[in-house]
Amino acid sequence: MSVVEALLESSEQYTSLLINNDSKGDNFDIPRNIDFVFKTDDAQKAETVCSFINDNNYANARVESVKGDYRVLAVVAMQSNQNVICSVSGLMTCIGKLFDVEYDGWGCVLQNT
């Protein structure tokens, strides 16, 4: 899948997720920690992605080992408005493609107060 195709697909998926979160009462204007996840079976790639994210201050990232696979968890404290979340997720999609690791999307705790 090309970068453009990946960006279009992720934008569509995350817009649908935001619509679902809205129906559950999420207030997108309330900042919260949002987790962006990358997966790979290559420890060096995981460390490289983690360093790249941290060195460029894109997020606070760390590597976790999960049953022989590696996960990079990048956390950003931010609002989850559509334009913001799709922009940051787009960046993460590009990072995944750049380093040939799987970008597994984002998640957060809904905020409704």
N, C-alpha and C. Protein backbone atom coordinates (compact mmCIF):
# COMPACT_ATOMS: atom_id res chain seq x y z
N MET A 1 0.84 -1.17 0.00
CA MET A 1 0.00 0.00 0.00
C MET A 1 0.89 1.24 0.00
N SER A 2 0.57 2.19 -0.84
CA SER A 2 1.36 3.42 -0.91
C SER A 2 1.08 4.30 0.30
N VAL A 3 1.92 5.29 0.49
CA VAL A 3 1.74 6.23 1.60
C VAL A 3 0.40 6.96 1.45
N VAL A 4 0.10 7.40 0.24
CA VAL A 4 -1.16 8.12 0.02
C VAL A 4 -2.35 7.23 0.34
N GLU A 5 -2.33 5.99 -0.11
CA GLU A 5 -3.42 5.06 0.20
C GLU A 5 -3.54 4.84 1.70
N ALA A 6 -2.40 4.69 2.38
CA ALA A 6 -2.42 4.49 3.83
C ALA A 6 -2.99 5.71 4.55
N LEU A 7 -2.62 6.90 4.09
CA LEU A 7 -3.15 8.13 4.71
C LEU A 7 -4.66 8.24 4.51
N LEU A 8 -5.13 7.96 3.31
CA LEU A 8 -6.56 8.03 3.03
C LEU A 8 -7.33 7.00 3.85
N GLU A 9 -6.81 5.79 3.93
CA GLU A 9 -7.47 4.73 4.68
C GLU A 9 -7.53 5.06 6.17
N SER A 10 -6.40 5.53 6.72
CA SER A 10 -6.39 5.83 8.15
C SER A 10 -7.30 7.01 8.47
N SER A 11 -7.33 8.02 7.61
CA SER A 11 -8.21 9.17 7.84
C SER A 11 -9.67 8.73 7.88
N GLU A 12 -10.05 7.86 6.98
CA GLU A 12 -11.43 7.35 6.95
C GLU A 12 -11.74 6.55 8.22
N GLN A 13 -10.83 5.67 8.61
CA GLN A 13 -11.04 4.84 9.80
C GLN A 13 -11.15 5.70 11.05
N TYR A 14 -10.26 6.68 11.18
CA TYR A 14 -10.24 7.47 12.41
C TYR A 14 -11.38 8.46 12.47
N THR A 15 -11.87 8.92 11.33
CA THR A 15 -13.06 9.76 11.33
C THR A 15 -14.26 8.95 11.81
N SER A 16 -14.36 7.71 11.37
CA SER A 16 -15.44 6.83 11.83
C SER A 16 -15.32 6.58 13.34
N LEU A 17 -14.11 6.38 13.82
CA LEU A 17 -13.90 6.17 15.26
C LEU A 17 -14.31 7.41 16.04
N LEU A 18 -13.96 8.59 15.55
CA LEU A 18 -14.34 9.83 16.22
C LEU A 18 -15.86 10.00 16.25
N ILE A 19 -16.53 9.64 15.17
CA ILE A 19 -18.00 9.71 15.15
C ILE A 19 -18.57 8.79 16.21
N ASN A 20 -18.02 7.60 16.34
CA ASN A 20 -18.45 6.64 17.36
C ASN A 20 -18.18 7.21 18.76
N ASN A 21 -16.99 7.80 18.96
CA ASN A 21 -16.67 8.38 20.27
C ASN A 21 -17.62 9.53 20.59
N ASP A 22 -17.98 10.31 19.59
CA ASP A 22 -18.92 11.42 19.78
C ASP A 22 -20.27 10.90 20.26
N SER A 23 -20.71 9.78 19.69
CA SER A 23 -22.00 9.20 20.09
C SER A 23 -21.97 8.70 21.54
N LYS A 24 -20.77 8.47 22.06
CA LYS A 24 -20.60 8.04 23.46
C LYS A 24 -20.38 9.22 24.40
N GLY A 25 -20.45 10.44 23.84
CA GLY A 25 -20.34 11.64 24.67
C GLY A 25 -18.95 12.19 24.84
N ASP A 26 -17.99 11.75 24.04
CA ASP A 26 -16.63 12.26 24.17
C ASP A 26 -16.59 13.75 23.86
N ASN A 27 -15.90 14.50 24.71
CA ASN A 27 -15.69 15.93 24.47
C ASN A 27 -14.29 16.08 23.90
N PHE A 28 -14.19 16.27 22.60
CA PHE A 28 -12.91 16.29 21.89
C PHE A 28 -12.01 17.44 22.32
N ASP A 29 -12.59 18.48 22.92
CA ASP A 29 -11.80 19.64 23.32
C ASP A 29 -11.00 19.41 24.59
N ILE A 30 -11.32 18.36 25.35
CA ILE A 30 -10.59 18.08 26.58
C ILE A 30 -9.31 17.32 26.24
N PRO A 31 -8.14 17.91 26.56
CA PRO A 31 -6.88 17.19 26.29
C PRO A 31 -6.81 15.89 27.10
N ARG A 32 -6.15 14.92 26.52
CA ARG A 32 -5.94 13.62 27.16
C ARG A 32 -4.72 12.98 26.53
N ASN A 33 -4.18 11.95 27.17
CA ASN A 33 -3.07 11.20 26.58
C ASN A 33 -3.62 10.31 25.48
N ILE A 34 -3.03 10.44 24.31
CA ILE A 34 -3.40 9.60 23.18
C ILE A 34 -2.20 8.74 22.84
N ASP A 35 -2.43 7.43 22.76
CA ASP A 35 -1.38 6.46 22.48
C ASP A 35 -1.37 6.12 20.99
N PHE A 36 -0.21 6.21 20.37
CA PHE A 36 0.00 5.80 18.99
C PHE A 36 0.93 4.60 19.04
N VAL A 37 0.57 3.51 18.35
CA VAL A 37 1.27 2.24 18.51
C VAL A 37 1.87 1.77 17.18
N PHE A 38 3.13 1.33 17.27
CA PHE A 38 3.82 0.71 16.14
C PHE A 38 4.22 -0.70 16.56
N LYS A 39 4.20 -1.63 15.61
CA LYS A 39 4.58 -3.01 15.89
C LYS A 39 5.65 -3.47 14.90
N THR A 40 6.58 -4.29 15.41
CA THR A 40 7.61 -4.89 14.56
C THR A 40 8.17 -6.11 15.28
N ASP A 41 8.80 -7.00 14.53
CA ASP A 41 9.50 -8.13 15.15
C ASP A 41 11.00 -7.88 15.21
N ASP A 42 11.41 -6.67 14.86
CA ASP A 42 12.82 -6.29 14.80
C ASP A 42 13.14 -5.28 15.90
N ALA A 43 13.92 -5.72 16.88
CA ALA A 43 14.25 -4.86 18.03
C ALA A 43 14.96 -3.59 17.59
N GLN A 44 15.86 -3.67 16.62
CA GLN A 44 16.60 -2.49 16.18
C GLN A 44 15.67 -1.48 15.52
N LYS A 45 14.73 -1.95 14.71
CA LYS A 45 13.77 -1.04 14.09
C LYS A 45 12.92 -0.34 15.15
N ALA A 46 12.51 -1.10 16.15
CA ALA A 46 11.70 -0.51 17.22
C ALA A 46 12.49 0.59 17.93
N GLU A 47 13.76 0.33 18.24
CA GLU A 47 14.59 1.33 18.91
C GLU A 47 14.81 2.56 18.01
N THR A 48 14.98 2.32 16.72
CA THR A 48 15.19 3.42 15.78
C THR A 48 13.95 4.30 15.69
N VAL A 49 12.77 3.69 15.58
CA VAL A 49 11.52 4.45 15.52
C VAL A 49 11.32 5.24 16.81
N CYS A 50 11.56 4.59 17.93
CA CYS A 50 11.43 5.24 19.23
C CYS A 50 12.35 6.45 19.33
N SER A 51 13.60 6.27 18.95
CA SER A 51 14.57 7.37 19.00
C SER A 51 14.17 8.50 18.06
N PHE A 52 13.70 8.16 16.86
CA PHE A 52 13.28 9.18 15.90
C PHE A 52 12.14 10.02 16.46
N ILE A 53 11.16 9.36 17.03
CA ILE A 53 10.01 10.08 17.60
C ILE A 53 10.44 10.96 18.76
N ASN A 54 11.25 10.43 19.66
CA ASN A 54 11.70 11.21 20.81
C ASN A 54 12.64 12.33 20.41
N ASP A 55 13.58 12.05 19.52
CA ASP A 55 14.56 13.06 19.09
C ASP A 55 13.90 14.26 18.42
N ASN A 56 12.78 14.01 17.74
CA ASN A 56 12.08 15.09 17.04
C ASN A 56 10.91 15.66 17.85
N ASN A 57 10.79 15.20 19.10
CA ASN A 57 9.73 15.69 20.00
C ASN A 57 8.33 15.54 19.42
N TYR A 58 8.10 14.46 18.66
CA TYR A 58 6.76 14.20 18.13
C TYR A 58 5.86 13.63 19.22
N ALA A 59 6.44 12.91 20.17
CA ALA A 59 5.70 12.27 21.25
C ALA A 59 6.72 11.80 22.29
N ASN A 60 6.21 11.25 23.36
CA ASN A 60 7.04 10.59 24.36
C ASN A 60 6.92 9.10 24.09
N ALA A 61 7.97 8.51 23.51
CA ALA A 61 7.90 7.13 23.05
C ALA A 61 8.78 6.21 23.88
N ARG A 62 8.34 4.95 23.93
CA ARG A 62 9.12 3.90 24.58
C ARG A 62 8.88 2.58 23.85
N VAL A 63 9.84 1.67 24.00
CA VAL A 63 9.74 0.35 23.38
C VAL A 63 9.32 -0.65 24.43
N GLU A 64 8.39 -1.51 24.07
CA GLU A 64 7.96 -2.60 24.94
C GLU A 64 8.16 -3.91 24.18
N SER A 65 8.61 -4.93 24.90
CA SER A 65 8.75 -6.25 24.31
C SER A 65 7.53 -7.08 24.69
N VAL A 66 6.88 -7.68 23.67
CA VAL A 66 5.68 -8.45 23.90
C VAL A 66 5.82 -9.80 23.21
N LYS A 67 6.20 -10.83 23.98
CA LYS A 67 6.32 -12.19 23.45
C LYS A 67 7.16 -12.27 22.19
N GLY A 68 8.34 -11.68 22.22
CA GLY A 68 9.25 -11.75 21.09
C GLY A 68 9.02 -10.70 20.02
N ASP A 69 7.93 -9.97 20.12
CA ASP A 69 7.68 -8.86 19.21
C ASP A 69 7.93 -7.56 19.97
N TYR A 70 8.01 -6.48 19.23
CA TYR A 70 8.32 -5.19 19.84
C TYR A 70 7.24 -4.19 19.48
N ARG A 71 6.92 -3.38 20.45
CA ARG A 71 5.89 -2.37 20.28
C ARG A 71 6.46 -1.04 20.70
N VAL A 72 6.28 -0.04 19.86
CA VAL A 72 6.65 1.32 20.22
C VAL A 72 5.36 2.04 20.58
N LEU A 73 5.31 2.53 21.80
CA LEU A 73 4.16 3.27 22.29
C LEU A 73 4.56 4.74 22.36
N ALA A 74 3.92 5.57 21.54
CA ALA A 74 4.20 7.00 21.49
C ALA A 74 2.99 7.73 22.06
N VAL A 75 3.19 8.50 23.12
CA VAL A 75 2.10 9.16 23.82
C VAL A 75 2.18 10.67 23.64
N VAL A 76 1.03 11.27 23.28
CA VAL A 76 0.93 12.71 23.11
C VAL A 76 -0.26 13.20 23.94
N ALA A 77 -0.04 14.22 24.77
CA ALA A 77 -1.14 14.86 25.48
C ALA A 77 -1.72 15.92 24.55
N MET A 78 -2.98 15.70 24.13
CA MET A 78 -3.58 16.59 23.13
C MET A 78 -5.08 16.43 23.12
N GLN A 79 -5.74 17.32 22.40
CA GLN A 79 -7.16 17.18 22.13
C GLN A 79 -7.34 16.13 21.03
N SER A 80 -8.56 15.63 20.92
CA SER A 80 -8.80 14.64 19.86
C SER A 80 -9.75 15.16 18.79
N ASN A 81 -9.73 16.47 18.56
CA ASN A 81 -10.51 17.03 17.46
C ASN A 81 -10.07 16.38 16.15
N GLN A 82 -11.01 16.26 15.21
CA GLN A 82 -10.72 15.53 13.97
C GLN A 82 -9.50 16.06 13.24
N ASN A 83 -9.39 17.37 13.08
CA ASN A 83 -8.25 17.89 12.32
C ASN A 83 -6.93 17.62 13.04
N VAL A 84 -6.94 17.64 14.36
CA VAL A 84 -5.73 17.41 15.13
C VAL A 84 -5.35 15.93 15.10
N ILE A 85 -6.31 15.07 15.43
CA ILE A 85 -6.00 13.64 15.50
C ILE A 85 -5.63 13.08 14.13
N CYS A 86 -6.32 13.53 13.08
CA CYS A 86 -5.98 13.02 11.74
C CYS A 86 -4.61 13.52 11.29
N SER A 87 -4.23 14.74 11.69
CA SER A 87 -2.90 15.25 11.33
C SER A 87 -1.80 14.47 12.02
N VAL A 88 -1.94 14.27 13.32
CA VAL A 88 -0.91 13.56 14.07
C VAL A 88 -0.87 12.09 13.64
N SER A 89 -2.04 11.50 13.46
CA SER A 89 -2.07 10.11 13.00
C SER A 89 -1.48 9.99 11.60
N GLY A 90 -1.67 11.00 10.76
CA GLY A 90 -1.05 11.01 9.43
C GLY A 90 0.46 11.00 9.53
N LEU A 91 0.99 11.79 10.47
CA LEU A 91 2.44 11.79 10.69
C LEU A 91 2.90 10.40 11.12
N MET A 92 2.16 9.79 12.04
CA MET A 92 2.54 8.46 12.52
C MET A 92 2.45 7.42 11.40
N THR A 93 1.47 7.56 10.53
CA THR A 93 1.36 6.67 9.36
C THR A 93 2.62 6.79 8.50
N CYS A 94 3.05 8.02 8.27
CA CYS A 94 4.26 8.25 7.47
C CYS A 94 5.50 7.67 8.15
N ILE A 95 5.61 7.81 9.47
CA ILE A 95 6.74 7.25 10.21
C ILE A 95 6.75 5.73 10.06
N GLY A 96 5.58 5.11 10.17
CA GLY A 96 5.50 3.66 9.98
C GLY A 96 5.99 3.24 8.61
N LYS A 97 5.58 3.97 7.58
CA LYS A 97 6.02 3.65 6.22
C LYS A 97 7.52 3.92 6.04
N LEU A 98 7.98 5.03 6.60
CA LEU A 98 9.38 5.41 6.47
C LEU A 98 10.31 4.35 7.04
N PHE A 99 9.94 3.78 8.19
CA PHE A 99 10.80 2.81 8.86
C PHE A 99 10.37 1.37 8.65
N ASP A 100 9.36 1.16 7.81
CA ASP A 100 8.86 -0.18 7.48
C ASP A 100 8.47 -0.96 8.73
N VAL A 101 7.65 -0.30 9.58
CA VAL A 101 7.05 -0.95 10.74
C VAL A 101 5.54 -0.77 10.63
N GLU A 102 4.79 -1.61 11.30
CA GLU A 102 3.33 -1.52 11.25
C GLU A 102 2.84 -0.43 12.20
N TYR A 103 2.14 0.55 11.66
CA TYR A 103 1.47 1.54 12.51
C TYR A 103 0.11 0.97 12.83
N ASP A 104 -0.16 0.74 14.11
CA ASP A 104 -1.37 0.04 14.54
C ASP A 104 -2.45 0.99 15.04
N GLY A 105 -2.30 2.28 14.81
CA GLY A 105 -3.35 3.21 15.16
C GLY A 105 -3.18 3.87 16.51
N TRP A 106 -4.26 4.51 16.96
CA TRP A 106 -4.22 5.27 18.20
C TRP A 106 -5.41 4.90 19.08
N GLY A 107 -5.26 5.27 20.34
CA GLY A 107 -6.34 5.03 21.29
C GLY A 107 -6.24 6.02 22.44
N CYS A 108 -7.36 6.21 23.13
CA CYS A 108 -7.38 7.10 24.29
C CYS A 108 -8.60 6.79 25.13
N VAL A 109 -8.59 7.33 26.34
CA VAL A 109 -9.74 7.24 27.22
C VAL A 109 -10.67 8.39 26.87
N LEU A 110 -11.95 8.09 26.69
CA LEU A 110 -12.91 9.13 26.36
C LEU A 110 -13.06 10.10 27.52
N GLN A 111 -13.27 11.37 27.19
CA GLN A 111 -13.44 12.43 28.18
C GLN A 111 -14.80 13.06 27.97
N ASN A 112 -15.67 12.97 28.95
CA ASN A 112 -17.01 13.53 28.75
C ASN A 112 -17.43 14.49 29.85
N THR A 113 -16.48 15.00 30.59
CA THR A 113 -16.84 15.99 31.62
C THR A 113 -16.11 17.28 31.39
